[in-house]
């Protein structure tokens, strides 16, 4: 990572973060432990999802950490990259879906007069449910 924009994670900085807000840090750590525990989804699946989400939120620390954890949990590089492509499509899909707002505005429609239905049904090609 570029050190001028994103500092390296050091024990000193992580300790300082915990020291400055110990209750919040402990709660956040416990939240992460609970979320990434084995459940209806495997830890492996959760880490693959986390890699994809990290790309959407554009957090380089999360990308590195969750990629490392996904690999440790047995995810293949192909699975990780495919999940990243899903995230990219979802991010691009949001821009595509929200174009309806601009189109409606250009047609003189007032905000809040739309149907509020799921944008996936407006696609030219059907969405394949898995």
Protein backbone atom coordinates (compact mmCIF):
# COMPACT_ATOMS: atom_id res chain seq x y z
CA UNK A 1 0.00 0.00 0.00
CA UNK A 2 1.07 3.53 -0.65
CA UNK A 3 2.45 4.77 2.64
CA UNK A 4 1.63 8.39 1.84
CA UNK A 5 -2.10 7.67 1.64
CA UNK A 6 -2.65 4.53 3.73
CA UNK A 7 -0.30 3.99 6.66
CA UNK A 8 0.79 0.48 7.48
CA UNK A 9 -1.10 -1.25 10.24
CA UNK A 10 1.25 -1.41 13.22
CA UNK A 11 0.80 -2.79 16.72
CA UNK A 12 1.31 0.73 18.03
CA UNK A 13 -1.52 2.19 15.95
CA UNK A 14 -3.93 -0.65 16.70
CA UNK A 15 -3.14 -0.35 20.41
CA UNK A 16 -3.68 3.41 20.29
CA UNK A 17 -7.06 2.95 18.58
CA UNK A 18 -8.14 0.52 21.31
CA UNK A 19 -6.69 2.68 24.08
CA UNK A 20 -8.52 5.81 22.93
CA UNK A 21 -11.93 4.10 22.80
CA UNK A 22 -11.66 0.77 24.62
CA UNK A 23 -15.38 0.00 24.93
CA UNK A 24 -16.07 0.74 21.28
CA UNK A 25 -13.03 -1.24 20.19
CA UNK A 26 -14.08 -4.23 22.29
CA UNK A 27 -17.65 -4.05 20.98
CA UNK A 28 -16.45 -3.84 17.39
CA UNK A 29 -14.13 -6.81 17.90
CA UNK A 30 -16.94 -8.87 19.45
CA UNK A 31 -19.26 -7.88 16.58
CA UNK A 32 -16.70 -9.07 14.02
CA UNK A 33 -16.18 -12.34 15.87
CA UNK A 34 -19.93 -12.97 15.91
CA UNK A 35 -20.49 -12.02 12.28
CA UNK A 36 -17.65 -14.15 10.93
CA UNK A 37 -18.41 -17.21 13.10
CA UNK A 38 -19.67 -20.39 11.46
CA UNK A 39 -23.43 -20.20 11.01
CA UNK A 40 -25.91 -20.63 8.18
CA UNK A 41 -23.00 -19.51 6.00
CA UNK A 42 -19.58 -21.07 6.32
CA UNK A 43 -16.65 -18.94 7.44
CA UNK A 44 -15.23 -19.48 3.94
CA UNK A 45 -18.39 -18.10 2.29
CA UNK A 46 -18.46 -15.14 4.66
CA UNK A 47 -14.85 -14.27 3.84
CA UNK A 48 -15.53 -14.47 0.10
CA UNK A 49 -18.51 -12.13 0.59
CA UNK A 50 -16.30 -9.82 2.66
CA UNK A 51 -13.73 -9.61 -0.13
CA UNK A 52 -16.47 -8.61 -2.58
CA UNK A 53 -17.96 -6.04 -0.21
CA UNK A 54 -14.50 -4.65 0.55
CA UNK A 55 -14.11 -3.89 -3.14
CA UNK A 56 -17.42 -2.01 -3.17
CA UNK A 57 -16.55 -0.06 -0.02
CA UNK A 58 -13.03 0.38 -1.44
CA UNK A 59 -11.23 -0.37 1.79
CA UNK A 60 -7.67 -1.51 1.02
CA UNK A 61 -7.17 -2.84 4.54
CA UNK A 62 -10.32 -4.94 4.25
CA UNK A 63 -9.38 -6.16 0.78
CA UNK A 64 -6.01 -7.40 2.02
CA UNK A 65 -7.25 -8.87 5.28
CA UNK A 66 -10.35 -10.63 3.95
CA UNK A 67 -8.53 -11.93 0.86
CA UNK A 68 -5.93 -13.44 3.17
CA UNK A 69 -8.67 -14.94 5.38
CA UNK A 70 -10.67 -16.25 2.41
CA UNK A 71 -7.59 -18.05 1.09
CA UNK A 72 -6.85 -19.39 4.59
CA UNK A 73 -10.43 -20.75 4.73
CA UNK A 74 -9.93 -22.59 1.45
CA UNK A 75 -11.36 -20.20 -1.13
CA UNK A 76 -9.78 -20.50 -4.54
CA UNK A 77 -8.39 -17.49 -6.39
CA UNK A 78 -11.09 -18.08 -9.01
CA UNK A 79 -13.87 -17.90 -6.40
CA UNK A 80 -12.45 -14.69 -4.99
CA UNK A 81 -12.15 -13.01 -8.38
CA UNK A 82 -15.63 -14.16 -9.38
CA UNK A 83 -17.02 -12.64 -6.18
CA UNK A 84 -15.22 -9.38 -7.01
CA UNK A 85 -16.91 -9.40 -10.43
CA UNK A 86 -20.28 -9.91 -8.75
CA UNK A 87 -19.55 -6.89 -6.56
CA UNK A 88 -18.51 -4.86 -9.60
CA UNK A 89 -21.73 -5.76 -11.41
CA UNK A 90 -23.82 -4.85 -8.40
CA UNK A 91 -22.05 -1.50 -8.08
CA UNK A 92 -22.49 -0.79 -11.79
CA UNK A 93 -26.04 -2.13 -11.63
CA UNK A 94 -26.93 0.47 -9.01
CA UNK A 95 -25.86 3.26 -11.37
CA UNK A 96 -27.84 1.61 -14.17
CA UNK A 97 -30.93 1.22 -12.00
CA UNK A 98 -30.74 4.76 -10.66
CA UNK A 99 -30.67 6.13 -14.21
CA UNK A 100 -34.47 5.77 -13.99
CA UNK A 101 -34.45 8.72 -11.57
CA UNK A 102 -32.71 10.96 -14.12
CA UNK A 103 -34.94 9.69 -16.94
CA UNK A 104 -38.09 10.36 -14.90
CA UNK A 105 -36.83 13.85 -14.01
CA UNK A 106 -36.14 14.57 -17.69
CA UNK A 107 -39.71 13.45 -18.44
CA UNK A 108 -41.06 15.88 -15.85
CA UNK A 109 -42.11 13.27 -13.28
CA UNK A 110 -42.10 14.33 -9.65
CA UNK A 111 -39.97 12.47 -7.06
CA UNK A 112 -41.78 9.73 -5.19
CA UNK A 113 -44.33 9.02 -7.89
CA UNK A 114 -42.65 5.84 -9.11
CA UNK A 115 -43.73 2.33 -8.29
CA UNK A 116 -40.75 1.57 -6.06
CA UNK A 117 -40.46 -1.88 -7.55
CA UNK A 118 -37.32 -3.98 -7.75
CA UNK A 119 -35.00 -2.63 -10.47
CA UNK A 120 -33.90 -6.14 -11.44
CA UNK A 121 -37.17 -6.58 -13.33
CA UNK A 122 -36.34 -3.65 -15.62
CA UNK A 123 -33.29 -5.28 -17.14
CA UNK A 124 -33.28 -6.23 -20.78
CA UNK A 125 -31.98 -9.68 -19.88
CA UNK A 126 -33.54 -11.77 -17.11
CA UNK A 127 -31.77 -12.08 -13.78
CA UNK A 128 -30.89 -15.68 -13.07
CA UNK A 129 -31.90 -16.55 -9.54
CA UNK A 130 -29.62 -19.09 -7.85
